Amino acid sequence: MDLTFAFTGVVLAAPLLLVIYAWIRLTSPGPGLFRQVRVGAGRREFVMYKFRTMRTDADPKVHADYVRRLMAGEVKPVDGLYKLDNDARITRAGRFLRRTSLDELPQLLNVLRGDMSLVGPRPVLSFEVELFPDWAARRFEVQPGLTGLWQVSGRNQLTMVQGLRLDLEYVAHQSIWLDLLIMIKTLPAVLGRSAR
């Protein structure tokens, strides 16, 4: 199912992918694609692809510091969302791509490569793994996903700990029917975020 849906998605979305790539290149200096090492199933590292949404000189320490404070319970939501407010590192095109989740479309290539699944826990950074409580280890028993239970159950409205608990719920009840249900819920969830 992963390969069929991902291949079909890449073929159908090819014109849109090319337009987004050109838009990024024309509106800010730097590459159109962003590559980042993430941690997947079995805690194996892989290179994940996204459309670039930040300036090329963006300091990653800003995000790392935010995640550490989020895990420590030191962050309060802004307008009901747990996210960096008014992040100056994000480009104008990047704001739109993030709001609509179009920046994540290149991850279809990761699905084709076998690094990711269509549905599963979100792929995380290695420093984030070090912050996770021991009980969250089971999330690494399955492939990370392009979408998941966390994403369709509130995403940025949830703390990271709440999201990790949803990851474990997914692992415990994983089935093709749950995957299909999450995929069906993904579009309404994305549209709901886009309206914010």
C-alpha atoms as a PDB file:
ATOM      1  CA  MET A   1       0.000   0.000   0.000  1.00  0.00           C
ATOM      2  CA  ASP A   2       2.839   2.391   0.875  1.00  0.00           C
ATOM      3  CA  LEU A   3       4.569   1.928  -2.472  1.00  0.00           C
ATOM      4  CA  THR A   4       1.352   2.109  -4.504  1.00  0.00           C
ATOM      5  CA  PHE A   5       0.053   5.245  -2.840  1.00  0.00           C
ATOM      6  CA  ALA A   6       3.464   6.959  -2.749  1.00  0.00           C
ATOM      7  CA  PHE A   7       4.229   6.245  -6.409  1.00  0.00           C
ATOM      8  CA  THR A   8       0.744   7.406  -7.451  1.00  0.00           C
ATOM      9  CA  GLY A   9       1.138  10.507  -5.308  1.00  0.00           C
ATOM     10  CA  VAL A  10       4.495  11.430  -6.826  1.00  0.00           C
ATOM     11  CA  VAL A  11       3.157  10.993 -10.375  1.00  0.00           C
ATOM     12  CA  LEU A  12      -0.033  12.996  -9.756  1.00  0.00           C
ATOM     13  CA  ALA A  13       1.697  15.704  -7.742  1.00  0.00           C
ATOM     14  CA  ALA A  14       4.710  16.074 -10.072  1.00  0.00           C
ATOM     15  CA  PRO A  15       3.530  19.376 -11.639  1.00  0.00           C
ATOM     16  CA  LEU A  16       2.782  20.809  -8.177  1.00  0.00           C
ATOM     17  CA  LEU A  17       6.156  19.645  -6.870  1.00  0.00           C
ATOM     18  CA  LEU A  18       7.940  21.401  -9.737  1.00  0.00           C
ATOM     19  CA  VAL A  19       5.969  24.634  -9.176  1.00  0.00           C
ATOM     20  CA  ILE A  20       6.743  24.650  -5.444  1.00  0.00           C
ATOM     21  CA  TYR A  21      10.413  23.899  -6.096  1.00  0.00           C
ATOM     22  CA  ALA A  22      10.641  26.798  -8.582  1.00  0.00           C
ATOM     23  CA  TRP A  23       8.753  29.133  -6.203  1.00  0.00           C
ATOM     24  CA  ILE A  24      11.230  28.458  -3.397  1.00  0.00           C
ATOM     25  CA  ARG A  25      14.255  28.939  -5.665  1.00  0.00           C
ATOM     26  CA  LEU A  26      12.889  32.195  -7.102  1.00  0.00           C
ATOM     27  CA  THR A  27      11.874  33.783  -3.793  1.00  0.00           C
ATOM     28  CA  SER A  28      14.851  33.003  -1.548  1.00  0.00           C
ATOM     29  CA  PRO A  29      18.497  32.074  -2.128  1.00  0.00           C
ATOM     30  CA  GLY A  30      19.373  28.444  -1.611  1.00  0.00           C
ATOM     31  CA  PRO A  31      18.215  24.970  -2.653  1.00  0.00           C
ATOM     32  CA  GLY A  32      14.575  24.048  -3.113  1.00  0.00           C
ATOM     33  CA  LEU A  33      14.874  20.838  -1.119  1.00  0.00           C
ATOM     34  CA  PHE A  34      15.899  20.542   2.511  1.00  0.00           C
ATOM     35  CA  ARG A  35      17.684  17.380   3.673  1.00  0.00           C
ATOM     36  CA  GLN A  36      17.922  16.456   7.327  1.00  0.00           C
ATOM     37  CA  VAL A  37      18.996  13.346   9.232  1.00  0.00           C
ATOM     38  CA  ARG A  38      16.098  11.861  11.198  1.00  0.00           C
ATOM     39  CA  VAL A  39      15.661   8.779  13.386  1.00  0.00           C
ATOM     40  CA  GLY A  40      13.359   6.037  12.145  1.00  0.00           C
ATOM     41  CA  ALA A  41      12.400   2.453  12.958  1.00  0.00           C
ATOM     42  CA  GLY A  42      14.903   0.636  15.137  1.00  0.00           C
ATOM     43  CA  ARG A  43      16.471   4.047  15.843  1.00  0.00           C
ATOM     44  CA  ARG A  44      18.154   3.904  12.438  1.00  0.00           C
ATOM     45  CA  GLU A  45      19.089   7.261  10.941  1.00  0.00           C
ATOM     46  CA  PHE A  46      18.059   8.281   7.429  1.00  0.00           C
ATOM     47  CA  VAL A  47      18.008  11.440   5.320  1.00  0.00           C
ATOM     48  CA  MET A  48      14.529  12.954   5.179  1.00  0.00           C
ATOM     49  CA  TYR A  49      13.434  15.297   2.387  1.00  0.00           C
ATOM     50  CA  LYS A  50      11.249  18.381   2.690  1.00  0.00           C
ATOM     51  CA  PHE A  51      10.780  21.558   0.729  1.00  0.00           C
ATOM     52  CA  ARG A  52      12.989  24.251   2.261  1.00  0.00           C
ATOM     53  CA  THR A  53      10.919  26.669   4.337  1.00  0.00           C
ATOM     54  CA  MET A  54      13.700  28.543   6.134  1.00  0.00           C
ATOM     55  CA  ARG A  55      16.555  30.818   5.203  1.00  0.00           C
ATOM     56  CA  THR A  56      19.776  28.933   4.539  1.00  0.00           C
ATOM     57  CA  ASP A  57      21.465  30.727   7.474  1.00  0.00           C
ATOM     58  CA  ALA A  58      18.755  29.658   9.957  1.00  0.00           C
ATOM     59  CA  ASP A  59      20.174  28.728  13.358  1.00  0.00           C
ATOM     60  CA  PRO A  60      18.990  25.200  14.355  1.00  0.00           C
ATOM     61  CA  LYS A  61      19.674  25.991  18.016  1.00  0.00           C
ATOM     62  CA  VAL A  62      16.476  28.045  18.114  1.00  0.00           C
ATOM     63  CA  HIS A  63      14.370  24.948  17.468  1.00  0.00           C
ATOM     64  CA  ALA A  64      16.472  22.753  19.736  1.00  0.00           C
ATOM     65  CA  ASP A  65      16.068  25.160  22.643  1.00  0.00           C
ATOM     66  CA  TYR A  66      12.304  25.329  22.060  1.00  0.00           C
ATOM     67  CA  VAL A  67      11.940  21.532  22.040  1.00  0.00           C
ATOM     68  CA  ARG A  68      13.947  21.210  25.268  1.00  0.00           C
ATOM     69  CA  ARG A  69      11.717  23.771  26.975  1.00  0.00           C
ATOM     70  CA  LEU A  70       8.624  22.067  25.528  1.00  0.00           C
ATOM     71  CA  MET A  71       9.658  18.672  26.917  1.00  0.00           C
ATOM     72  CA  ALA A  72      10.364  20.301  30.287  1.00  0.00           C
ATOM     73  CA  GLY A  73       6.843  21.762  30.367  1.00  0.00           C
ATOM     74  CA  GLU A  74       8.145  25.327  30.260  1.00  0.00           C
ATOM     75  CA  VAL A  75       6.286  26.386  27.084  1.00  0.00           C
ATOM     76  CA  LYS A  76       2.788  27.831  26.998  1.00  0.00           C
ATOM     77  CA  PRO A  77       0.676  27.654  23.805  1.00  0.00           C
ATOM     78  CA  VAL A  78       0.294  30.733  21.624  1.00  0.00           C
ATOM     79  CA  ASP A  79      -3.261  31.047  20.298  1.00  0.00           C
ATOM     80  CA  GLY A  80      -3.805  27.458  21.412  1.00  0.00           C
ATOM     81  CA  LEU A  81      -0.783  26.103  19.489  1.00  0.00           C
ATOM     82  CA  TYR A  82       2.596  24.808  20.620  1.00  0.00           C
ATOM     83  CA  LYS A  83       4.910  26.278  18.019  1.00  0.00           C
ATOM     84  CA  LEU A  84       7.561  28.950  17.682  1.00  0.00           C
ATOM     85  CA  ASP A  85       5.682  32.231  17.358  1.00  0.00           C
ATOM     86  CA  ASN A  86       6.743  34.646  14.597  1.00  0.00           C
ATOM     87  CA  ASP A  87       9.819  32.594  13.688  1.00  0.00           C
ATOM     88  CA  ALA A  88      11.940  35.025  11.653  1.00  0.00           C
ATOM     89  CA  ARG A  89      13.883  32.123  10.111  1.00  0.00           C
ATOM     90  CA  ILE A  90      10.905  31.057   7.972  1.00  0.00           C
ATOM     91  CA  THR A  91      10.586  32.496   4.465  1.00  0.00           C
ATOM     92  CA  ARG A  92       7.352  33.930   3.069  1.00  0.00           C
ATOM     93  CA  ALA A  93       6.850  30.881   0.863  1.00  0.00           C
ATOM     94  CA  GLY A  94       7.788  28.692   3.803  1.00  0.00           C
ATOM     95  CA  ARG A  95       4.952  30.035   5.957  1.00  0.00           C
ATOM     96  CA  PHE A  96       2.406  28.997   3.354  1.00  0.00           C
ATOM     97  CA  LEU A  97       4.029  25.619   2.758  1.00  0.00           C
ATOM     98  CA  ARG A  98       4.113  24.842   6.478  1.00  0.00           C
ATOM     99  CA  ARG A  99       0.543  25.981   7.077  1.00  0.00           C
ATOM    100  CA  THR A 100      -0.705  23.702   4.285  1.00  0.00           C
ATOM    101  CA  SER A 101       1.823  20.894   4.992  1.00  0.00           C
ATOM    102  CA  LEU A 102       2.906  21.035   1.324  1.00  0.00           C
ATOM    103  CA  ASP A 103       6.505  21.239   2.539  1.00  0.00           C
ATOM    104  CA  GLU A 104       6.208  17.557   3.500  1.00  0.00           C
ATOM    105  CA  LEU A 105       5.310  16.241   0.029  1.00  0.00           C
ATOM    106  CA  PRO A 106       8.935  15.290  -0.816  1.00  0.00           C
ATOM    107  CA  GLN A 107       8.708  12.700   1.970  1.00  0.00           C
ATOM    108  CA  LEU A 108       6.848  10.572  -0.576  1.00  0.00           C
ATOM    109  CA  LEU A 109      10.351   9.878  -1.885  1.00  0.00           C
ATOM    110  CA  ASN A 110      11.317   8.600   1.565  1.00  0.00           C
ATOM    111  CA  VAL A 111       8.330   6.252   1.437  1.00  0.00           C
ATOM    112  CA  LEU A 112       9.482   4.943  -1.952  1.00  0.00           C
ATOM    113  CA  ARG A 113      13.002   4.457  -0.539  1.00  0.00           C
ATOM    114  CA  GLY A 114      11.621   2.451   2.377  1.00  0.00           C
ATOM    115  CA  ASP A 115      12.753   4.937   5.035  1.00  0.00           C
ATOM    116  CA  MET A 116       9.201   5.902   5.939  1.00  0.00           C
ATOM    117  CA  SER A 117       5.627   4.685   5.737  1.00  0.00           C
ATOM    118  CA  LEU A 118       2.565   6.690   4.751  1.00  0.00           C
ATOM    119  CA  VAL A 119       1.302   6.400   8.336  1.00  0.00           C
ATOM    120  CA  GLY A 120       3.311   6.219  11.548  1.00  0.00           C
ATOM    121  CA  PRO A 121       4.963   8.323  14.255  1.00  0.00           C
ATOM    122  CA  ARG A 122       6.638  11.463  12.980  1.00  0.00           C
ATOM    123  CA  PRO A 123      10.365  11.124  12.186  1.00  0.00           C
ATOM    124  CA  VAL A 124      12.365  12.853  14.890  1.00  0.00           C
ATOM    125  CA  LEU A 125      15.775  14.431  15.297  1.00  0.00           C
ATOM    126  CA  SER A 126      18.488  12.613  17.243  1.00  0.00           C
ATOM    127  CA  PHE A 127      18.628  15.248  19.995  1.00  0.00           C
ATOM    128  CA  GLU A 128      14.862  14.889  20.464  1.00  0.00           C
ATOM    129  CA  VAL A 129      15.252  11.143  21.024  1.00  0.00           C
ATOM    130  CA  GLU A 130      17.634  11.875  23.889  1.00  0.00           C
ATOM    131  CA  LEU A 131      14.900  13.948  25.563  1.00  0.00           C
ATOM    132  CA  PHE A 132      12.192  11.289  25.258  1.00  0.00           C
ATOM    133  CA  PRO A 133      11.170   9.396  28.409  1.00  0.00           C
ATOM    134  CA  ASP A 134      12.011   5.686  28.504  1.00  0.00           C
ATOM    135  CA  TRP A 135       8.361   4.684  28.075  1.00  0.00           C
ATOM    136  CA  ALA A 136       8.341   6.238  24.585  1.00  0.00           C
ATOM    137  CA  ALA A 137      10.827   3.672  23.207  1.00  0.00           C
ATOM    138  CA  ARG A 138       8.101   1.560  21.542  1.00  0.00           C
ATOM    139  CA  ARG A 139       7.455   4.315  18.998  1.00  0.00           C
ATOM    140  CA  PHE A 140      10.626   3.147  17.241  1.00  0.00           C
ATOM    141  CA  GLU A 141       9.161  -0.313  16.625  1.00  0.00           C
ATOM    142  CA  VAL A 142       7.413   0.962  13.483  1.00  0.00           C
ATOM    143  CA  GLN A 143       8.400   3.070  10.486  1.00  0.00           C
ATOM    144  CA  PRO A 144       7.912   6.832  10.876  1.00  0.00           C
ATOM    145  CA  GLY A 145       5.062   8.207   8.791  1.00  0.00           C
ATOM    146  CA  LEU A 146       4.169  11.023   6.449  1.00  0.00           C
ATOM    147  CA  THR A 147       1.058  11.395   8.580  1.00  0.00           C
ATOM    148  CA  GLY A 148       0.019   9.808  11.841  1.00  0.00           C
ATOM    149  CA  LEU A 149      -2.323   9.671  14.796  1.00  0.00           C
ATOM    150  CA  TRP A 150      -0.517  12.617  16.397  1.00  0.00           C
ATOM    151  CA  GLN A 151      -0.998  14.769  13.283  1.00  0.00           C
ATOM    152  CA  VAL A 152      -4.736  14.112  12.951  1.00  0.00           C
ATOM    153  CA  SER A 153      -5.438  14.380  16.692  1.00  0.00           C
ATOM    154  CA  GLY A 154      -4.298  17.919  17.266  1.00  0.00           C
ATOM    155  CA  ARG A 155      -0.659  18.184  16.160  1.00  0.00           C
ATOM    156  CA  ASN A 156       0.541  21.607  17.409  1.00  0.00           C
ATOM    157  CA  GLN A 157      -2.364  21.822  19.852  1.00  0.00           C
ATOM    158  CA  LEU A 158      -0.712  19.030  21.841  1.00  0.00           C
ATOM    159  CA  THR A 159       2.402  18.985  23.958  1.00  0.00           C
ATOM    160  CA  MET A 160       5.202  16.692  22.802  1.00  0.00           C
ATOM    161  CA  VAL A 161       4.475  14.279  25.663  1.00  0.00           C
ATOM    162  CA  GLN A 162       0.824  14.047  24.589  1.00  0.00           C
ATOM    163  CA  GLY A 163       1.998  13.391  21.043  1.00  0.00           C
ATOM    164  CA  LEU A 164       4.328  10.628  22.201  1.00  0.00           C
ATOM    165  CA  ARG A 165       1.431   8.933  23.997  1.00  0.00           C
ATOM    166  CA  LEU A 166      -0.524   8.981  20.728  1.00  0.00           C
ATOM    167  CA  ASP A 167       2.483   7.418  18.986  1.00  0.00           C
ATOM    168  CA  LEU A 168       2.343   4.536  21.469  1.00  0.00           C
ATOM    169  CA  GLU A 169      -1.404   4.207  20.995  1.00  0.00           C
ATOM    170  CA  TYR A 170      -0.803   3.865  17.264  1.00  0.00           C
ATOM    171  CA  VAL A 171       1.878   1.204  17.779  1.00  0.00           C
ATOM    172  CA  ALA A 172      -0.426  -0.757  20.092  1.00  0.00           C
ATOM    173  CA  HIS A 173      -3.359  -0.734  17.661  1.00  0.00           C
ATOM    174  CA  GLN A 174      -1.596  -0.625  14.293  1.00  0.00           C
ATOM    175  CA  SER A 175      -3.634  -2.105  11.441  1.00  0.00           C
ATOM    176  CA  ILE A 176      -4.377  -1.384   7.799  1.00  0.00           C
ATOM    177  CA  TRP A 177      -7.808  -0.112   8.848  1.00  0.00           C
ATOM    178  CA  LEU A 178      -6.334   2.353  11.323  1.00  0.00           C
ATOM    179  CA  ASP A 179      -3.871   3.510   8.639  1.00  0.00           C
ATOM    180  CA  LEU A 180      -6.713   4.086   6.179  1.00  0.00           C
ATOM    181  CA  LEU A 181      -8.721   5.974   8.811  1.00  0.00           C
ATOM    182  CA  ILE A 182      -5.754   8.238   9.590  1.00  0.00           C
ATOM    183  CA  MET A 183      -5.165   8.912   5.871  1.00  0.00           C
ATOM    184  CA  ILE A 184      -8.842   9.813   5.449  1.00  0.00           C
ATOM    185  CA  LYS A 185      -8.616  12.213   8.411  1.00  0.00           C
ATOM    186  CA  THR A 186      -5.376  13.816   7.208  1.00  0.00           C
ATOM    187  CA  LEU A 187      -6.846  16.143   4.578  1.00  0.00           C
ATOM    188  CA  PRO A 188      -9.516  17.648   6.877  1.00  0.00           C
ATOM    189  CA  ALA A 189      -6.850  18.055   9.584  1.00  0.00           C
ATOM    190  CA  VAL A 190      -4.539  19.880   7.159  1.00  0.00           C
ATOM    191  CA  LEU A 191      -7.354  22.078   5.857  1.00  0.00           C
ATOM    192  CA  GLY A 192      -8.321  22.927   9.412  1.00  0.00           C
ATOM    193  CA  ARG A 193      -4.767  24.054  10.179  1.00  0.00           C
ATOM    194  CA  SER A 194      -4.577  26.022   6.929  1.00  0.00           C
ATOM    195  CA  ALA A 195      -7.570  28.085   7.979  1.00  0.00           C
ATOM    196  CA  ARG A 196      -5.751  29.328  11.089  1.00  0.00           C
END
